[in-house]
C-alpha atoms as a PDB file:
ATOM      1  CA  MET A   1      66.594 222.013   2.784  1.00  0.00           C
ATOM      2  CA  ALA A   2      69.530 223.104   0.574  1.00  0.00           C
ATOM      3  CA  GLU A   3      68.619 220.815  -2.093  1.00  0.00           C
ATOM      4  CA  VAL A   4      65.046 221.951  -2.108  1.00  0.00           C
ATOM      5  CA  LEU A   5      66.282 225.638  -2.532  1.00  0.00           C
ATOM      6  CA  ARG A   6      68.740 224.476  -5.347  1.00  0.00           C
ATOM      7  CA  PHE A   7      65.847 222.655  -7.193  1.00  0.00           C
ATOM      8  CA  ALA A   8      63.564 225.784  -6.961  1.00  0.00           C
ATOM      9  CA  ARG A   9      66.315 228.211  -8.095  1.00  0.00           C
ATOM     10  CA  ARG A  10      66.799 225.863 -10.973  1.00  0.00           C
ATOM     11  CA  SER A  11      63.226 225.940 -11.894  1.00  0.00           C
ATOM     12  CA  VAL A  12      62.941 229.406 -11.864  1.00  0.00           C
ATOM     13  CA  ALA A  13      66.161 229.891 -14.033  1.00  0.00           C
ATOM     14  CA  LYS A  14      64.678 227.469 -16.681  1.00  0.00           C
ATOM     15  CA  ALA A  15      61.092 229.383 -16.512  1.00  0.00           C
ATOM     16  CA  VAL A  16      63.089 232.647 -17.258  1.00  0.00           C
ATOM     17  CA  GLN A  17      65.127 231.172 -19.840  1.00  0.00           C
ATOM     18  CA  LYS A  18      62.126 229.910 -21.749  1.00  0.00           C
ATOM     19  CA  THR A  19      60.231 233.463 -21.263  1.00  0.00           C
ATOM     20  CA  VAL A  20      63.076 235.416 -22.576  1.00  0.00           C
ATOM     21  CA  SER A  21      64.083 233.097 -25.479  1.00  0.00           C
ATOM     22  CA  GLY A  22      63.934 235.120 -28.764  1.00  0.00           C
ATOM     23  CA  THR A  23      63.612 238.590 -26.965  1.00  0.00           C
ATOM     24  CA  GLY A  24      67.293 239.586 -27.553  1.00  0.00           C
ATOM     25  CA  ILE A  25      68.199 239.578 -23.707  1.00  0.00           C
ATOM     26  CA  GLU A  26      68.413 235.842 -23.443  1.00  0.00           C
ATOM     27  CA  GLY A  27      72.276 236.151 -23.330  1.00  0.00           C
ATOM     28  CA  LEU A  28      71.867 236.675 -19.664  1.00  0.00           C
ATOM     29  CA  LEU A  29      71.101 233.132 -19.224  1.00  0.00           C
ATOM     30  CA  ASP A  30      72.671 231.360 -22.143  1.00  0.00           C
ATOM     31  CA  GLU A  31      76.337 232.571 -21.965  1.00  0.00           C
ATOM     32  CA  ILE A  32      78.707 231.367 -19.633  1.00  0.00           C
ATOM     33  CA  PRO A  33      80.021 233.908 -17.029  1.00  0.00           C
ATOM     34  CA  HIS A  34      83.495 234.653 -15.682  1.00  0.00           C
ATOM     35  CA  CYS A  35      85.455 232.735 -18.285  1.00  0.00           C
ATOM     36  CA  ALA A  36      87.710 235.508 -19.518  1.00  0.00           C
ATOM     37  CA  ALA A  37      90.669 234.016 -17.983  1.00  0.00           C
ATOM     38  CA  LEU A  38      90.555 231.037 -20.556  1.00  0.00           C
ATOM     39  CA  THR A  39      91.476 233.708 -23.327  1.00  0.00           C
ATOM     40  CA  GLN A  40      94.844 234.102 -21.907  1.00  0.00           C
ATOM     41  CA  VAL A  41      95.680 230.436 -21.863  1.00  0.00           C
ATOM     42  CA  ASN A  42      96.507 227.921 -24.470  1.00  0.00           C
ATOM     43  CA  LYS A  43      97.255 224.891 -22.719  1.00  0.00           C
ATOM     44  CA  LEU A  44      95.326 223.740 -19.726  1.00  0.00           C
ATOM     45  CA  SER A  45      95.580 220.357 -17.371  1.00  0.00           C
ATOM     46  CA  ILE A  46      93.072 219.065 -15.301  1.00  0.00           C
ATOM     47  CA  LYS A  47      94.459 217.217 -12.273  1.00  0.00           C
ATOM     48  CA  LEU A  48      92.916 215.660  -9.215  1.00  0.00           C
ATOM     49  CA  GLN A  49      94.115 217.487  -6.093  1.00  0.00           C
ATOM     50  CA  ASP A  50      93.924 214.764  -3.562  1.00  0.00           C
ATOM     51  CA  GLU A  51      94.383 211.178  -4.561  1.00  0.00           C
ATOM     52  CA  GLU A  52      93.762 209.817  -0.956  1.00  0.00           C
ATOM     53  CA  LEU A  53      90.226 211.247  -0.996  1.00  0.00           C
ATOM     54  CA  HIS A  54      89.572 209.867  -4.319  1.00  0.00           C
ATOM     55  CA  GLN A  55      90.641 206.418  -3.043  1.00  0.00           C
ATOM     56  CA  GLU A  56      88.651 206.849  -0.048  1.00  0.00           C
ATOM     57  CA  VAL A  57      85.530 207.509  -1.702  1.00  0.00           C
ATOM     58  CA  VAL A  58      85.844 204.944  -4.416  1.00  0.00           C
ATOM     59  CA  LYS A  59      86.569 202.151  -1.498  1.00  0.00           C
ATOM     60  CA  LYS A  60      83.780 203.136   0.693  1.00  0.00           C
ATOM     61  CA  HIS A  61      81.407 202.910  -2.276  1.00  0.00           C
ATOM     62  CA  ILE A  62      82.756 199.386  -3.365  1.00  0.00           C
ATOM     63  CA  LEU A  63      82.649 197.863   0.062  1.00  0.00           C
ATOM     64  CA  THR A  64      79.711 199.518   1.609  1.00  0.00           C
ATOM     65  CA  GLY A  65      77.671 201.058  -1.056  1.00  0.00           C
ATOM     66  CA  HIS A  66      78.069 204.508   0.390  1.00  0.00           C
ATOM     67  CA  PHE A  67      77.689 207.278  -2.029  1.00  0.00           C
ATOM     68  CA  ASN A  68      77.689 210.533   0.108  1.00  0.00           C
ATOM     69  CA  PHE A  69      81.134 212.194  -0.200  1.00  0.00           C
ATOM     70  CA  SER A  70      82.936 215.599   0.518  1.00  0.00           C
ATOM     71  CA  PRO A  71      83.670 217.592  -2.354  1.00  0.00           C
ATOM     72  CA  ILE A  72      86.587 216.523  -4.703  1.00  0.00           C
ATOM     73  CA  THR A  73      88.553 218.895  -6.178  1.00  0.00           C
ATOM     74  CA  PHE A  74      90.224 219.014  -9.476  1.00  0.00           C
ATOM     75  CA  LEU A  75      92.702 221.791 -10.438  1.00  0.00           C
ATOM     76  CA  ILE A  76      92.549 223.463 -13.889  1.00  0.00           C
ATOM     77  CA  ARG A  77      96.065 224.735 -14.438  1.00  0.00           C
ATOM     78  CA  ASP A  78      97.948 226.754 -17.109  1.00  0.00           C
ATOM     79  CA  GLU A  79     100.602 224.069 -18.195  1.00  0.00           C
ATOM     80  CA  GLN A  80     102.852 226.890 -19.785  1.00  0.00           C
ATOM     81  CA  ASP A  81     102.876 229.156 -16.623  1.00  0.00           C
ATOM     82  CA  LYS A  82     104.530 226.991 -13.809  1.00  0.00           C
ATOM     83  CA  LYS A  83     101.263 225.143 -13.620  1.00  0.00           C
ATOM     84  CA  ARG A  84      99.378 228.018 -12.196  1.00  0.00           C
ATOM     85  CA  THR A  85      95.663 227.187 -11.034  1.00  0.00           C
ATOM     86  CA  VAL A  86      93.195 229.133 -13.380  1.00  0.00           C
ATOM     87  CA  MET A  87      90.283 227.616 -12.134  1.00  0.00           C
ATOM     88  CA  THR A  88      88.862 224.875  -9.851  1.00  0.00           C
ATOM     89  CA  ALA A  89      86.366 222.244 -10.494  1.00  0.00           C
ATOM     90  CA  ARG A  90      84.622 220.476  -7.296  1.00  0.00           C
ATOM     91  CA  LEU A  91      83.014 217.568  -7.817  1.00  0.00           C
ATOM     92  CA  ILE A  92      79.982 217.720  -5.717  1.00  0.00           C
ATOM     93  CA  CYS A  93      77.616 214.956  -4.197  1.00  0.00           C
ATOM     94  CA  SER A  94      74.287 214.491  -6.260  1.00  0.00           C
ATOM     95  CA  ARG A  95      75.228 217.531  -8.450  1.00  0.00           C
ATOM     96  CA  GLY A  96      78.427 217.289 -10.597  1.00  0.00           C
ATOM     97  CA  PHE A  97      81.350 219.747 -11.240  1.00  0.00           C
ATOM     98  CA  VAL A  98      81.060 223.187 -10.022  1.00  0.00           C
ATOM     99  CA  VAL A  99      83.733 225.323 -11.611  1.00  0.00           C
ATOM    100  CA  GLN A 100      84.927 228.466 -10.202  1.00  0.00           C
ATOM    101  CA  ALA A 101      87.451 231.227 -11.105  1.00  0.00           C
ATOM    102  CA  ASN A 102      88.564 233.672  -8.231  1.00  0.00           C
ATOM    103  CA  GLY A 103      85.839 232.294  -5.910  1.00  0.00           C
ATOM    104  CA  LYS A 104      82.971 233.333  -8.719  1.00  0.00           C
ATOM    105  CA  ASP A 105      80.899 230.615 -10.070  1.00  0.00           C
ATOM    106  CA  VAL A 106      81.563 229.854 -13.814  1.00  0.00           C
ATOM    107  CA  MET A 107      79.311 227.081 -14.677  1.00  0.00           C
ATOM    108  CA  GLU A 108      78.199 223.481 -13.472  1.00  0.00           C
ATOM    109  CA  VAL A 109      79.039 220.390 -15.361  1.00  0.00           C
ATOM    110  CA  GLY A 110      76.634 217.469 -14.916  1.00  0.00           C
ATOM    111  CA  ILE A 111      76.309 213.916 -16.058  1.00  0.00           C
ATOM    112  CA  PRO A 112      72.873 212.056 -17.008  1.00  0.00           C
ATOM    113  CA  ASN A 113      71.259 209.537 -14.706  1.00  0.00           C
ATOM    114  CA  ASN A 114      70.442 207.035 -17.195  1.00  0.00           C
ATOM    115  CA  SER A 115      70.744 208.307 -20.652  1.00  0.00           C
ATOM    116  CA  THR A 116      72.733 206.132 -23.387  1.00  0.00           C
ATOM    117  CA  THR A 117      73.167 208.986 -25.717  1.00  0.00           C
ATOM    118  CA  SER A 118      73.888 211.905 -23.399  1.00  0.00           C
ATOM    119  CA  LEU A 119      77.341 212.495 -22.151  1.00  0.00           C
ATOM    120  CA  GLY A 120      76.526 215.457 -20.283  1.00  0.00           C
ATOM    121  CA  LYS A 121      75.291 219.128 -19.962  1.00  0.00           C
ATOM    122  CA  ILE A 122      76.887 222.368 -19.198  1.00  0.00           C
ATOM    123  CA  VAL A 123      74.695 224.655 -16.736  1.00  0.00           C
ATOM    124  CA  HIS A 124      74.761 228.344 -16.027  1.00  0.00           C
ATOM    125  CA  PRO A 125      75.310 229.286 -12.428  1.00  0.00           C
ATOM    126  CA  THR A 126      71.688 230.135 -11.917  1.00  0.00           C
ATOM    127  CA  GLY A 127      70.733 226.550 -12.807  1.00  0.00           C
ATOM    128  CA  ALA A 128      69.616 227.094 -16.454  1.00  0.00           C
ATOM    129  CA  THR A 129      71.009 224.421 -19.064  1.00  0.00           C
ATOM    130  CA  ILE A 130      73.032 226.327 -21.531  1.00  0.00           C
ATOM    131  CA  PHE A 131      74.723 223.272 -23.550  1.00  0.00           C
ATOM    132  CA  LYS A 132      73.910 219.425 -23.890  1.00  0.00           C
ATOM    133  CA  VAL A 133      76.743 217.057 -25.196  1.00  0.00           C
ATOM    134  CA  VAL A 134      75.052 214.020 -27.254  1.00  0.00           C
ATOM    135  CA  ALA A 135      76.719 211.109 -28.731  1.00  0.00           C
ATOM    136  CA  THR A 136      76.344 210.674 -32.345  1.00  0.00           C
ATOM    137  CA  GLU A 137      78.421 207.448 -32.611  1.00  0.00           C
ATOM    138  CA  THR A 138      81.312 205.747 -30.949  1.00  0.00           C
ATOM    139  CA  GLY A 139      83.990 208.397 -29.937  1.00  0.00           C
ATOM    140  CA  LYS A 140      81.922 211.317 -31.498  1.00  0.00           C
ATOM    141  CA  PHE A 141      79.618 213.717 -29.793  1.00  0.00           C
ATOM    142  CA  ARG A 142      77.978 217.172 -30.755  1.00  0.00           C
ATOM    143  CA  VAL A 143      77.457 219.937 -28.387  1.00  0.00           C
ATOM    144  CA  GLN A 144      74.019 221.644 -28.622  1.00  0.00           C
ATOM    145  CA  LYS A 145      73.059 225.092 -27.540  1.00  0.00           C
ATOM    146  CA  VAL A 146      69.784 224.519 -25.749  1.00  0.00           C
ATOM    147  CA  SER A 147      68.387 228.089 -25.868  1.00  0.00           C
ATOM    148  CA  SER A 148      69.017 228.573 -29.472  1.00  0.00           C
ATOM    149  CA  GLN A 149      66.124 228.772 -31.834  1.00  0.00           C
ATOM    150  CA  ASN A 150      67.272 225.473 -32.986  1.00  0.00           C
ATOM    151  CA  PRO A 151      68.189 223.605 -30.198  1.00  0.00           C
ATOM    152  CA  ARG A 152      69.397 220.428 -32.334  1.00  0.00           C
ATOM    153  CA  ALA A 153      71.827 222.779 -34.172  1.00  0.00           C
ATOM    154  CA  VAL A 154      75.527 221.779 -33.594  1.00  0.00           C
ATOM    155  CA  TYR A 155      77.666 224.385 -31.744  1.00  0.00           C
ATOM    156  CA  MET A 156      80.725 222.080 -31.629  1.00  0.00           C
ATOM    157  CA  THR A 157      81.859 218.683 -32.444  1.00  0.00           C
ATOM    158  CA  VAL A 158      83.990 216.203 -30.773  1.00  0.00           C
ATOM    159  CA  GLU A 159      85.707 213.452 -32.476  1.00  0.00           C
ATOM    160  CA  LYS A 160      88.093 210.881 -30.989  1.00  0.00           C
ATOM    161  CA  GLU A 161      91.336 209.764 -33.031  1.00  0.00           C
ATOM    162  CA  ALA A 162      92.974 206.518 -32.274  1.00  0.00           C
ATOM    163  CA  LYS A 163      97.077 206.909 -31.805  1.00  0.00           C
ATOM    164  CA  ALA A 164      99.137 203.985 -31.856  1.00  0.00           C
ATOM    165  CA  ALA A 165     101.297 205.208 -29.023  1.00  0.00           C
ATOM    166  CA  TYR A 166      98.599 205.954 -26.768  1.00  0.00           C
ATOM    167  CA  GLN A 167      96.785 202.427 -27.625  1.00  0.00           C
ATOM    168  CA  LEU A 168     100.081 200.796 -26.616  1.00  0.00           C
ATOM    169  CA  ALA A 169     100.435 202.803 -23.393  1.00  0.00           C
ATOM    170  CA  SER A 170      96.704 202.369 -22.783  1.00  0.00           C
ATOM    171  CA  MET A 171      97.026 198.626 -23.205  1.00  0.00           C
ATOM    172  CA  SER A 172     100.008 198.648 -20.699  1.00  0.00           C
ATOM    173  CA  GLY A 173      98.140 200.483 -18.072  1.00  0.00           C
ATOM    174  CA  LEU A 174     100.078 203.719 -18.419  1.00  0.00           C
ATOM    175  CA  LEU A 175      97.402 205.892 -19.752  1.00  0.00           C
ATOM    176  CA  PHE A 176      93.554 205.789 -19.335  1.00  0.00           C
ATOM    177  CA  GLU A 177      92.985 206.870 -22.789  1.00  0.00           C
ATOM    178  CA  ASP A 178      94.038 205.239 -26.274  1.00  0.00           C
ATOM    179  CA  GLY A 179      93.632 208.616 -28.407  1.00  0.00           C
ATOM    180  CA  VAL A 180      93.060 212.157 -28.681  1.00  0.00           C
ATOM    181  CA  TYR A 181      89.714 213.875 -29.004  1.00  0.00           C
ATOM    182  CA  TRP A 182      89.620 216.790 -31.596  1.00  0.00           C
ATOM    183  CA  LEU A 183      87.253 219.586 -31.003  1.00  0.00           C
ATOM    184  CA  LYS A 184      85.796 221.316 -33.850  1.00  0.00           C
ATOM    185  CA  SER A 185      83.646 224.433 -34.624  1.00  0.00           C
ATOM    186  CA  ALA A 186      80.216 224.201 -36.386  1.00  0.00           C
ATOM    187  CA  SER A 187      81.948 224.802 -39.612  1.00  0.00           C
ATOM    188  CA  GLY A 188      84.228 221.945 -38.982  1.00  0.00           C
ATOM    189  CA  LYS A 189      87.415 223.947 -38.246  1.00  0.00           C
ATOM    190  CA  ALA A 190      89.519 222.199 -35.460  1.00  0.00           C
ATOM    191  CA  ILE A 191      89.762 224.440 -32.455  1.00  0.00           C
ATOM    192  CA  GLY A 192      91.067 222.553 -29.857  1.00  0.00           C
ATOM    193  CA  LYS A 193      92.363 219.012 -28.570  1.00  0.00           C
ATOM    194  CA  MET A 194      92.131 216.891 -25.542  1.00  0.00           C
ATOM    195  CA  ARG A 195      94.754 214.097 -24.672  1.00  0.00           C
ATOM    196  CA  PRO A 196      96.015 212.190 -21.602  1.00  0.00           C
ATOM    197  CA  LYS A 197      99.080 213.374 -20.108  1.00  0.00           C
ATOM    198  CA  PHE A 198     102.063 210.933 -19.543  1.00  0.00           C
ATOM    199  CA  VAL A 199     102.118 211.109 -16.088  1.00  0.00           C
ATOM    200  CA  LEU A 200     102.245 207.964 -13.366  1.00  0.00           C
ATOM    201  CA  GLN A 201      99.778 207.368 -10.838  1.00  0.00           C
ATOM    202  CA  GLN A 202      97.385 210.046 -11.837  1.00  0.00           C
ATOM    203  CA  ASN A 203      94.821 210.506 -14.792  1.00  0.00           C
ATOM    204  CA  THR A 204      95.306 214.010 -15.927  1.00  0.00           C
ATOM    205  CA  LEU A 205      93.951 215.512 -19.063  1.00  0.00           C
ATOM    206  CA  ILE A 206      95.461 218.109 -21.232  1.00  0.00           C
ATOM    207  CA  VAL A 207      93.347 220.622 -23.377  1.00  0.00           C
ATOM    208  CA  ASN A 208      94.964 222.606 -25.731  1.00  0.00           C
ATOM    209  CA  PHE A 209      93.089 225.626 -27.341  1.00  0.00           C
ATOM    210  CA  ASP A 210      93.588 226.264 -30.946  1.00  0.00           C
ATOM    211  CA  ASP A 211      90.975 228.873 -31.768  1.00  0.00           C
ATOM    212  CA  SER A 212      92.024 232.273 -33.122  1.00  0.00           C
ATOM    213  CA  PRO A 213      91.140 234.823 -31.886  1.00  0.00           C
ATOM    214  CA  ALA A 214      90.574 233.335 -28.413  1.00  0.00           C
ATOM    215  CA  ASP A 215      87.078 233.068 -27.576  1.00  0.00           C
ATOM    216  CA  GLY A 216      86.202 232.598 -23.924  1.00  0.00           C
ATOM    217  CA  GLN A 217      82.593 231.073 -24.566  1.00  0.00           C
ATOM    218  CA  SER A 218      83.723 228.329 -26.790  1.00  0.00           C
ATOM    219  CA  ARG A 219      86.773 227.776 -24.496  1.00  0.00           C
ATOM    220  CA  ALA A 220      84.667 227.238 -21.630  1.00  0.00           C
ATOM    221  CA  VAL A 221      82.475 224.890 -23.465  1.00  0.00           C
ATOM    222  CA  MET A 222      85.618 222.819 -24.523  1.00  0.00           C
ATOM    223  CA  LEU A 223      86.535 222.960 -20.521  1.00  0.00           C
ATOM    224  CA  GLY A 224      83.117 221.605 -19.650  1.00  0.00           C
ATOM    225  CA  VAL A 225      83.410 218.914 -22.511  1.00  0.00           C
ATOM    226  CA  ALA A 226      87.028 217.893 -21.010  1.00  0.00           C
ATOM    227  CA  LEU A 227      85.520 217.612 -17.490  1.00  0.00           C
ATOM    228  CA  LEU A 228      82.692 215.304 -18.677  1.00  0.00           C
ATOM    229  CA  LEU A 229      85.561 213.202 -20.071  1.00  0.00           C
ATOM    230  CA  VAL A 230      87.500 213.342 -16.985  1.00  0.00           C
ATOM    231  CA  LEU A 231      84.409 211.546 -15.436  1.00  0.00           C
ATOM    232  CA  SER A 232      83.485 209.125 -18.296  1.00  0.00           C
ATOM    233  CA  ASP A 233      87.152 207.964 -19.163  1.00  0.00           C
ATOM    234  CA  ALA A 234      89.567 209.083 -16.501  1.00  0.00           C
ATOM    235  CA  TYR A 235      87.690 208.391 -13.351  1.00  0.00           C
ATOM    236  CA  PRO A 236      84.533 206.202 -14.345  1.00  0.00           C
ATOM    237  CA  GLU A 237      84.615 204.969 -10.829  1.00  0.00           C
ATOM    238  CA  LEU A 238      83.864 208.592  -9.559  1.00  0.00           C
ATOM    239  CA  SER A 239      80.997 208.812 -12.193  1.00  0.00           C
ATOM    240  CA  GLY A 240      79.505 205.744 -10.566  1.00  0.00           C
ATOM    241  CA  VAL A 241      79.405 207.105  -7.190  1.00  0.00           C
ATOM    242  CA  LEU A 242      78.093 210.379  -8.628  1.00  0.00           C
ATOM    243  CA  LYS A 243      75.121 208.453 -10.471  1.00  0.00           C
ATOM    244  CA  ASP A 244      74.334 206.725  -7.281  1.00  0.00           C
ATOM    245  CA  SER A 245      74.146 210.041  -5.151  1.00  0.00           C
ATOM    246  CA  MET A 246      72.048 211.517  -7.784  1.00  0.00           C
ATOM    247  CA  SER A 247      69.574 208.555  -7.983  1.00  0.00           C
ATOM    248  CA  ALA A 248      69.191 209.007  -4.046  1.00  0.00           C
ATOM    249  CA  ALA A 249      68.424 212.611  -4.378  1.00  0.00           C
ATOM    250  CA  GLU A 250      65.788 212.096  -6.527  1.00  0.00           C
ATOM    251  CA  PHE A 251      63.783 210.163  -3.751  1.00  0.00           C
END
């Protein structure tokens, strides 16, 4: 029943989004809410909270094909303020990430079921898709704002740059990534960077914000992209479990 209600809510949100497009009030559904806290942070880390739960979910999926799982929480922390938790991102079975700040829904971040070109999407809490992240070539992506007059217009780009030290650490099994990802505005200006953190046993991702003045919306988008990379690069096995749960929910 909950899944049916969620689907109905998303359908209504999408219909409203189409209706108000171009009227000047579409900002109600095409902006990410409750993201002001990101303007006060310059360096984030995204860390898995419970490694045992992660291992249990993956092991059960490998051994039995079981894909239902309890929410898996990732902590979004201020690396420069005693690793204070700024937001949480809970990976929900058949849905994706639900990001919250102080108990309020900020956005949902989802992956595609069987697309070869889409990395994922960033969704308003009501269920309306705001941004899509599309692969342009290996290691490069563009972020498109769905509700804009030109849905294919570039809002932001993501480009991977290989680094020798990261490549060596990756080949040695010390890092999950062999380079850094640069985030750039539509004009080509670098506004952020994502890289793996040098820590043992956990695949933590670091996000540096370089935009000035700080913009909560663009930073929320950067965080959304980072969460997609957490699934595709840091924890691909969780991405597999999530995709199976999404496929089952369609039937």
